[in-house]
PDB file of all heavy atoms in Angstrom:
ATOM      1  N   ASP A   1     117.091 -78.248 130.830  1.00  0.00           N
ATOM      2  CA  ASP A   1     116.262 -77.068 130.569  1.00  0.00           C
ATOM      3  C   ASP A   1     117.076 -75.883 130.062  1.00  0.00           C
ATOM      4  O   ASP A   1     116.604 -75.096 129.243  1.00  0.00           O
ATOM      5  CB  ASP A   1     115.511 -76.656 131.841  1.00  0.00           C
ATOM      6  CG  ASP A   1     114.426 -77.650 132.220  1.00  0.00           C
ATOM      7  OD1 ASP A   1     114.076 -78.499 131.375  1.00  0.00           O
ATOM      8  OD2 ASP A   1     113.932 -77.585 133.365  1.00  0.00           O
ATOM      9  N   HIS A   2     118.298 -75.730 130.561  1.00  0.00           N
ATOM     10  CA  HIS A   2     119.094 -74.544 130.246  1.00  0.00           C
ATOM     11  C   HIS A   2     119.835 -74.657 128.909  1.00  0.00           C
ATOM     12  O   HIS A   2     120.614 -73.782 128.554  1.00  0.00           O
ATOM     13  CB  HIS A   2     120.113 -74.277 131.362  1.00  0.00           C
ATOM     14  CG  HIS A   2     121.096 -75.398 131.555  1.00  0.00           C
ATOM     15  ND1 HIS A   2     120.882 -76.419 132.454  1.00  0.00           N
ATOM     16  CD2 HIS A   2     122.288 -75.676 130.955  1.00  0.00           C
ATOM     17  CE1 HIS A   2     121.904 -77.263 132.402  1.00  0.00           C
ATOM     18  NE2 HIS A   2     122.765 -76.837 131.502  1.00  0.00           N
ATOM     19  N   THR A   3     119.587 -75.720 128.155  1.00  0.00           N
ATOM     20  CA  THR A   3     120.279 -75.920 126.883  1.00  0.00           C
ATOM     21  C   THR A   3     119.991 -74.763 125.923  1.00  0.00           C
ATOM     22  O   THR A   3     118.826 -74.428 125.708  1.00  0.00           O
ATOM     23  CB  THR A   3     119.823 -77.235 126.226  1.00  0.00           C
ATOM     24  OG1 THR A   3     120.080 -78.315 127.126  1.00  0.00           O
ATOM     25  CG2 THR A   3     120.553 -77.473 124.917  1.00  0.00           C
ATOM     26  N   PRO A   4     121.006 -74.146 125.326  1.00  0.00           N
ATOM     27  CA  PRO A   4     120.755 -73.079 124.346  1.00  0.00           C
ATOM     28  C   PRO A   4     119.979 -73.618 123.152  1.00  0.00           C
ATOM     29  O   PRO A   4     120.305 -74.682 122.610  1.00  0.00           O
ATOM     30  CB  PRO A   4     122.162 -72.635 123.925  1.00  0.00           C
ATOM     31  CG  PRO A   4     123.059 -73.084 125.037  1.00  0.00           C
ATOM     32  CD  PRO A   4     122.450 -74.348 125.570  1.00  0.00           C
ATOM     33  N   GLN A   5     118.958 -72.880 122.729  1.00  0.00           N
ATOM     34  CA  GLN A   5     118.053 -73.354 121.684  1.00  0.00           C
ATOM     35  C   GLN A   5     118.569 -72.958 120.303  1.00  0.00           C
ATOM     36  O   GLN A   5     118.130 -71.966 119.724  1.00  0.00           O
ATOM     37  CB  GLN A   5     116.662 -72.766 121.899  1.00  0.00           C
ATOM     38  CG  GLN A   5     116.056 -73.093 123.255  1.00  0.00           C
ATOM     39  CD  GLN A   5     115.510 -74.503 123.312  1.00  0.00           C
ATOM     40  OE1 GLN A   5     116.216 -75.426 123.670  1.00  0.00           O
ATOM     41  NE2 GLN A   5     114.277 -74.665 122.948  1.00  0.00           N
ATOM     42  N   THR A   6     119.479 -73.714 119.744  1.00  0.00           N
ATOM     43  CA  THR A   6     119.984 -73.432 118.405  1.00  0.00           C
ATOM     44  C   THR A   6     119.808 -74.653 117.516  1.00  0.00           C
ATOM     45  O   THR A   6     119.589 -75.774 117.992  1.00  0.00           O
ATOM     46  CB  THR A   6     121.471 -73.034 118.405  1.00  0.00           C
ATOM     47  OG1 THR A   6     122.278 -74.214 118.439  1.00  0.00           O
ATOM     48  CG2 THR A   6     121.826 -72.125 119.571  1.00  0.00           C
ATOM     49  N   ALA A   7     119.937 -74.436 116.207  1.00  0.00           N
ATOM     50  CA  ALA A   7     119.812 -75.536 115.246  1.00  0.00           C
ATOM     51  C   ALA A   7     120.887 -76.591 115.447  1.00  0.00           C
ATOM     52  O   ALA A   7     120.702 -77.758 115.084  1.00  0.00           O
ATOM     53  CB  ALA A   7     119.875 -74.982 113.822  1.00  0.00           C
ATOM     54  N   ALA A   8     122.019 -76.210 116.042  1.00  0.00           N
ATOM     55  CA  ALA A   8     123.129 -77.141 116.216  1.00  0.00           C
ATOM     56  C   ALA A   8     122.808 -78.272 117.181  1.00  0.00           C
ATOM     57  O   ALA A   8     123.488 -79.307 117.168  1.00  0.00           O
ATOM     58  CB  ALA A   8     124.369 -76.388 116.701  1.00  0.00           C
ATOM     59  N   LEU A   9     121.782 -78.090 118.017  1.00  0.00           N
ATOM     60  CA  LEU A   9     121.360 -79.180 118.900  1.00  0.00           C
ATOM     61  C   LEU A   9     121.092 -80.454 118.119  1.00  0.00           C
ATOM     62  O   LEU A   9     121.286 -81.569 118.619  1.00  0.00           O
ATOM     63  CB  LEU A   9     120.071 -78.784 119.628  1.00  0.00           C
ATOM     64  CG  LEU A   9     120.126 -77.720 120.719  1.00  0.00           C
ATOM     65  CD1 LEU A   9     118.727 -77.433 121.209  1.00  0.00           C
ATOM     66  CD2 LEU A   9     121.013 -78.156 121.862  1.00  0.00           C
ATOM     67  N   PHE A  10     120.638 -80.286 116.878  1.00  0.00           N
ATOM     68  CA  PHE A  10     120.137 -81.423 116.121  1.00  0.00           C
ATOM     69  C   PHE A  10     121.109 -81.884 115.032  1.00  0.00           C
ATOM     70  O   PHE A  10     120.762 -82.752 114.229  1.00  0.00           O
ATOM     71  CB  PHE A  10     118.776 -81.057 115.519  1.00  0.00           C
ATOM     72  CG  PHE A  10     117.851 -80.441 116.538  1.00  0.00           C
ATOM     73  CD1 PHE A  10     117.382 -79.138 116.394  1.00  0.00           C
ATOM     74  CD2 PHE A  10     117.471 -81.146 117.664  1.00  0.00           C
ATOM     75  CE1 PHE A  10     116.552 -78.565 117.339  1.00  0.00           C
ATOM     76  CE2 PHE A  10     116.646 -80.585 118.625  1.00  0.00           C
ATOM     77  CZ  PHE A  10     116.176 -79.287 118.465  1.00  0.00           C
ATOM     78  N   HIS A  11     122.317 -81.338 115.033  1.00  0.00           N
ATOM     79  CA  HIS A  11     123.315 -81.795 114.065  1.00  0.00           C
ATOM     80  C   HIS A  11     123.611 -83.294 114.184  1.00  0.00           C
ATOM     81  O   HIS A  11     123.867 -83.952 113.163  1.00  0.00           O
ATOM     82  CB  HIS A  11     124.605 -80.987 114.219  1.00  0.00           C
ATOM     83  CG  HIS A  11     124.496 -79.585 113.692  1.00  0.00           C
ATOM     84  ND1 HIS A  11     125.490 -78.638 113.839  1.00  0.00           N
ATOM     85  CD2 HIS A  11     123.500 -78.956 113.008  1.00  0.00           C
ATOM     86  CE1 HIS A  11     125.112 -77.504 113.275  1.00  0.00           C
ATOM     87  NE2 HIS A  11     123.910 -77.675 112.775  1.00  0.00           N
ATOM     88  N   PRO A  12     123.566 -83.869 115.397  1.00  0.00           N
ATOM     89  CA  PRO A  12     123.877 -85.310 115.494  1.00  0.00           C
ATOM     90  C   PRO A  12     122.737 -86.222 115.025  1.00  0.00           C
ATOM     91  O   PRO A  12     122.888 -87.440 115.053  1.00  0.00           O
ATOM     92  CB  PRO A  12     124.139 -85.514 116.998  1.00  0.00           C
ATOM     93  CG  PRO A  12     124.303 -84.154 117.579  1.00  0.00           C
ATOM     94  CD  PRO A  12     123.481 -83.258 116.737  1.00  0.00           C
ATOM     95  N   ILE A  13     121.599 -85.646 114.628  1.00  0.00           N
ATOM     96  CA  ILE A  13     120.405 -86.445 114.325  1.00  0.00           C
ATOM     97  C   ILE A  13     120.117 -86.397 112.833  1.00  0.00           C
ATOM     98  O   ILE A  13     119.957 -85.313 112.252  1.00  0.00           O
ATOM     99  CB  ILE A  13     119.185 -85.921 115.114  1.00  0.00           C
ATOM    100  CG1 ILE A  13     119.495 -85.927 116.617  1.00  0.00           C
ATOM    101  CG2 ILE A  13     117.953 -86.763 114.814  1.00  0.00           C
ATOM    102  CD1 ILE A  13     118.555 -85.083 117.438  1.00  0.00           C
ATOM    103  N   SER A  14     120.041 -87.546 112.208  1.00  0.00           N
ATOM    104  CA  SER A  14     119.706 -87.654 110.783  1.00  0.00           C
ATOM    105  C   SER A  14     118.318 -88.264 110.641  1.00  0.00           C
ATOM    106  O   SER A  14     117.953 -89.190 111.379  1.00  0.00           O
ATOM    107  CB  SER A  14     120.718 -88.535 110.044  1.00  0.00           C
ATOM    108  OG  SER A  14     122.022 -87.994 110.139  1.00  0.00           O
ATOM    109  N   ILE A  15     117.546 -87.752 109.691  1.00  0.00           N
ATOM    110  CA  ILE A  15     116.181 -88.226 109.455  1.00  0.00           C
ATOM    111  C   ILE A  15     116.108 -88.840 108.061  1.00  0.00           C
ATOM    112  O   ILE A  15     116.548 -88.232 107.077  1.00  0.00           O
ATOM    113  CB  ILE A  15     115.164 -87.080 109.588  1.00  0.00           C
ATOM    114  CG1 ILE A  15     115.213 -86.479 110.992  1.00  0.00           C
ATOM    115  CG2 ILE A  15     113.752 -87.561 109.262  1.00  0.00           C
ATOM    116  CD1 ILE A  15     114.403 -85.218 111.159  1.00  0.00           C
ATOM    117  N   ARG A  16     115.539 -90.034 107.989  1.00  0.00           N
ATOM    118  CA  ARG A  16     115.348 -90.704 106.707  1.00  0.00           C
ATOM    119  C   ARG A  16     113.866 -91.004 106.519  1.00  0.00           C
ATOM    120  O   ARG A  16     113.245 -91.672 107.354  1.00  0.00           O
ATOM    121  CB  ARG A  16     116.159 -92.006 106.646  1.00  0.00           C
ATOM    122  CG  ARG A  16     117.666 -91.796 106.716  1.00  0.00           C
ATOM    123  CD  ARG A  16     118.414 -93.124 106.734  1.00  0.00           C
ATOM    124  NE  ARG A  16     119.854 -92.918 106.824  1.00  0.00           N
ATOM    125  CZ  ARG A  16     120.734 -93.903 106.997  1.00  0.00           C
ATOM    126  NH1 ARG A  16     120.301 -95.161 107.085  1.00  0.00           N
ATOM    127  NH2 ARG A  16     122.030 -93.645 107.070  1.00  0.00           N
ATOM    128  N   ALA A  17     113.298 -90.488 105.443  1.00  0.00           N
ATOM    129  CA  ALA A  17     111.892 -90.741 105.121  1.00  0.00           C
ATOM    130  C   ALA A  17     111.735 -90.653 103.612  1.00  0.00           C
ATOM    131  O   ALA A  17     112.078 -89.628 103.006  1.00  0.00           O
ATOM    132  CB  ALA A  17     110.986 -89.725 105.812  1.00  0.00           C
ATOM    133  N   SER A  18     111.238 -91.690 103.008  1.00  0.00           N
ATOM    134  CA  SER A  18     111.119 -91.736 101.553  1.00  0.00           C
ATOM    135  C   SER A  18     110.130 -90.678 101.062  1.00  0.00           C
ATOM    136  O   SER A  18     109.058 -90.493 101.651  1.00  0.00           O
ATOM    137  CB  SER A  18     110.640 -93.119 101.111  1.00  0.00           C
ATOM    138  OG  SER A  18     111.546 -94.119 101.509  1.00  0.00           O
ATOM    139  N   LYS A  19     110.499 -90.001  99.981  1.00  0.00           N
ATOM    140  CA  LYS A  19     109.596 -89.024  99.382  1.00  0.00           C
ATOM    141  C   LYS A  19     108.315 -89.716  98.944  1.00  0.00           C
ATOM    142  O   LYS A  19     108.344 -90.786  98.330  1.00  0.00           O
ATOM    143  CB  LYS A  19     110.262 -88.369  98.168  1.00  0.00           C
ATOM    144  CG  LYS A  19     109.496 -87.185  97.613  1.00  0.00           C
ATOM    145  CD  LYS A  19     109.515 -86.002  98.565  1.00  0.00           C
ATOM    146  CE  LYS A  19     108.891 -84.759  97.940  1.00  0.00           C
ATOM    147  NZ  LYS A  19     108.865 -83.617  98.871  1.00  0.00           N
ATOM    148  N   GLY A  20     107.189 -89.114  99.299  1.00  0.00           N
ATOM    149  CA  GLY A  20     105.902 -89.701  98.947  1.00  0.00           C
ATOM    150  C   GLY A  20     105.288 -90.552 100.031  1.00  0.00           C
ATOM    151  O   GLY A  20     104.168 -91.051  99.879  1.00  0.00           O
ATOM    152  N   CYS A  21     106.004 -90.717 101.160  1.00  0.00           N
ATOM    153  CA  CYS A  21     105.387 -91.420 102.284  1.00  0.00           C
ATOM    154  C   CYS A  21     104.621 -90.415 103.140  1.00  0.00           C
ATOM    155  O   CYS A  21     104.689 -89.195 102.933  1.00  0.00           O
ATOM    156  CB  CYS A  21     106.420 -92.186 103.107  1.00  0.00           C
ATOM    157  SG  CYS A  21     107.415 -91.179 104.229  1.00  0.00           S
ATOM    158  N   LEU A  22     103.894 -90.921 104.107  1.00  0.00           N
ATOM    159  CA  LEU A  22     103.017 -90.082 104.923  1.00  0.00           C
ATOM    160  C   LEU A  22     103.762 -88.968 105.634  1.00  0.00           C
ATOM    161  O   LEU A  22     103.221 -87.873 105.828  1.00  0.00           O
ATOM    162  CB  LEU A  22     102.295 -90.971 105.940  1.00  0.00           C
ATOM    163  CG  LEU A  22     101.179 -90.325 106.762  1.00  0.00           C
ATOM    164  CD1 LEU A  22     100.002 -89.955 105.873  1.00  0.00           C
ATOM    165  CD2 LEU A  22     100.723 -91.279 107.871  1.00  0.00           C
ATOM    166  N   VAL A  23     105.011 -89.205 106.030  1.00  0.00           N
ATOM    167  CA  VAL A  23     105.761 -88.226 106.814  1.00  0.00           C
ATOM    168  C   VAL A  23     106.761 -87.438 105.957  1.00  0.00           C
ATOM    169  O   VAL A  23     107.580 -86.688 106.492  1.00  0.00           O
ATOM    170  CB  VAL A  23     106.474 -88.894 108.009  1.00  0.00           C
ATOM    171  CG1 VAL A  23     105.455 -89.546 108.936  1.00  0.00           C
ATOM    172  CG2 VAL A  23     107.504 -89.917 107.547  1.00  0.00           C
ATOM    173  N   ASN A  24     106.688 -87.600 104.645  1.00  0.00           N
ATOM    174  CA  ASN A  24     107.478 -86.788 103.711  1.00  0.00           C
ATOM    175  C   ASN A  24     106.689 -86.689 102.416  1.00  0.00           C
ATOM    176  O   ASN A  24     107.107 -87.152 101.358  1.00  0.00           O
ATOM    177  CB  ASN A  24     108.857 -87.408 103.460  1.00  0.00           C
ATOM    178  CG  ASN A  24     109.750 -86.518 102.604  1.00  0.00           C
ATOM    179  OD1 ASN A  24     109.446 -85.352 102.338  1.00  0.00           O
ATOM    180  ND2 ASN A  24     110.873 -87.065 102.159  1.00  0.00           N
ATOM    181  N   SER A  25     105.527 -86.064 102.521  1.00  0.00           N
ATOM    182  CA  SER A  25     104.567 -86.082 101.420  1.00  0.00           C
ATOM    183  C   SER A  25     105.031 -85.198 100.265  1.00  0.00           C
ATOM    184  O   SER A  25     105.816 -84.267 100.439  1.00  0.00           O
ATOM    185  CB  SER A  25     103.192 -85.627 101.909  1.00  0.00           C
ATOM    186  OG  SER A  25     103.270 -84.375 102.559  1.00  0.00           O
ATOM    187  N   GLY A  26     104.519 -85.507  99.090  1.00  0.00           N
ATOM    188  CA  GLY A  26     104.870 -84.765  97.890  1.00  0.00           C
ATOM    189  C   GLY A  26     104.110 -83.459  97.780  1.00  0.00           C
ATOM    190  O   GLY A  26     103.031 -83.280  98.372  1.00  0.00           O
ATOM    191  N   GLU A  27     104.663 -82.533  97.021  1.00  0.00           N
ATOM    192  CA  GLU A  27     104.042 -81.226  96.849  1.00  0.00           C
ATOM    193  C   GLU A  27     102.642 -81.367  96.257  1.00  0.00           C
ATOM    194  O   GLU A  27     102.405 -82.192  95.379  1.00  0.00           O
ATOM    195  CB  GLU A  27     104.914 -80.347  95.953  1.00  0.00           C
ATOM    196  CG  GLU A  27     106.242 -79.988  96.592  1.00  0.00           C
ATOM    197  CD  GLU A  27     107.033 -78.993  95.758  1.00  0.00           C
ATOM    198  OE1 GLU A  27     106.411 -78.245  94.989  1.00  0.00           O
ATOM    199  OE2 GLU A  27     108.261 -78.976  95.879  1.00  0.00           O
ATOM    200  N   GLY A  28     101.733 -80.544  96.773  1.00  0.00           N
ATOM    201  CA  GLY A  28     100.352 -80.568  96.314  1.00  0.00           C
ATOM    202  C   GLY A  28      99.438 -81.401  97.182  1.00  0.00           C
ATOM    203  O   GLY A  28      98.207 -81.300  97.070  1.00  0.00           O
ATOM    204  N   ALA A  29     100.005 -82.245  98.056  1.00  0.00           N
ATOM    205  CA  ALA A  29      99.180 -83.067  98.940  1.00  0.00           C
ATOM    206  C   ALA A  29      98.497 -82.192  99.991  1.00  0.00           C
ATOM    207  O   ALA A  29      99.038 -81.174 100.429  1.00  0.00           O
ATOM    208  CB  ALA A  29     100.040 -84.124  99.631  1.00  0.00           C
ATOM    209  N   ALA A  30      97.309 -82.593 100.390  1.00  0.00           N
ATOM    210  CA  ALA A  30      96.603 -81.901 101.472  1.00  0.00           C
ATOM    211  C   ALA A  30      97.321 -82.179 102.795  1.00  0.00           C
ATOM    212  O   ALA A  30      97.615 -83.338 103.104  1.00  0.00           O
ATOM    213  CB  ALA A  30      95.159 -82.372 101.537  1.00  0.00           C
ATOM    214  N   VAL A  31      97.589 -81.112 103.574  1.00  0.00           N
ATOM    215  CA  VAL A  31      98.447 -81.262 104.757  1.00  0.00           C
ATOM    216  C   VAL A  31      97.894 -80.591 106.015  1.00  0.00           C
ATOM    217  O   VAL A  31      98.592 -80.514 107.020  1.00  0.00           O
ATOM    218  CB  VAL A  31      99.860 -80.693 104.477  1.00  0.00           C
ATOM    219  CG1 VAL A  31     100.542 -81.450 103.357  1.00  0.00           C
ATOM    220  CG2 VAL A  31      99.803 -79.191 104.152  1.00  0.00           C
ATOM    221  N   ALA A  32      96.650 -80.106 105.974  1.00  0.00           N
ATOM    222  CA  ALA A  32      96.148 -79.319 107.110  1.00  0.00           C
ATOM    223  C   ALA A  32      96.291 -80.054 108.432  1.00  0.00           C
ATOM    224  O   ALA A  32      96.641 -79.459 109.459  1.00  0.00           O
ATOM    225  CB  ALA A  32      94.686 -78.934 106.881  1.00  0.00           C
ATOM    226  N   ALA A  33      96.027 -81.368 108.430  1.00  0.00           N
ATOM    227  CA  ALA A  33      96.094 -82.132 109.676  1.00  0.00           C
ATOM    228  C   ALA A  33      97.460 -82.755 109.920  1.00  0.00           C
ATOM    229  O   ALA A  33      97.716 -83.260 111.013  1.00  0.00           O
ATOM    230  CB  ALA A  33      95.027 -83.229 109.684  1.00  0.00           C
ATOM    231  N   GLY A  34      98.338 -82.732 108.915  1.00  0.00           N
ATOM    232  CA  GLY A  34      99.677 -83.273 109.132  1.00  0.00           C
ATOM    233  C   GLY A  34     100.405 -82.526 110.228  1.00  0.00           C
ATOM    234  O   GLY A  34     101.100 -83.113 111.065  1.00  0.00           O
ATOM    235  N   ASN A  35     100.225 -81.227 110.236  1.00  0.00           N
ATOM    236  CA  ASN A  35     100.873 -80.357 111.214  1.00  0.00           C
ATOM    237  C   ASN A  35     100.345 -80.568 112.624  1.00  0.00           C
ATOM    238  O   ASN A  35     101.083 -80.445 113.602  1.00  0.00           O
ATOM    239  CB  ASN A  35     100.656 -78.905 110.781  1.00  0.00           C
ATOM    240  CG  ASN A  35     101.347 -77.897 111.649  1.00  0.00           C
ATOM    241  OD1 ASN A  35     102.555 -77.906 111.765  1.00  0.00           O
ATOM    242  ND2 ASN A  35     100.576 -77.019 112.269  1.00  0.00           N
ATOM    243  N   VAL A  36      99.056 -80.898 112.736  1.00  0.00           N
ATOM    244  CA  VAL A  36      98.419 -80.924 114.052  1.00  0.00           C
ATOM    245  C   VAL A  36      98.107 -82.328 114.569  1.00  0.00           C
ATOM    246  O   VAL A  36      98.021 -82.535 115.790  1.00  0.00           O
ATOM    247  CB  VAL A  36      97.118 -80.082 114.039  1.00  0.00           C
ATOM    248  CG1 VAL A  36      97.449 -78.611 113.910  1.00  0.00           C
ATOM    249  CG2 VAL A  36      96.184 -80.512 112.899  1.00  0.00           C
TER     250      VAL A  36
END
């Protein structure tokens, strides 16, 4: 719980998602529900 909340927490984590897939959609796509 006491971990300092900085961006560096996530330096060890890499994310791979192909452009144009559901979780890395292209510009112009409808996204209202992607966030929620």
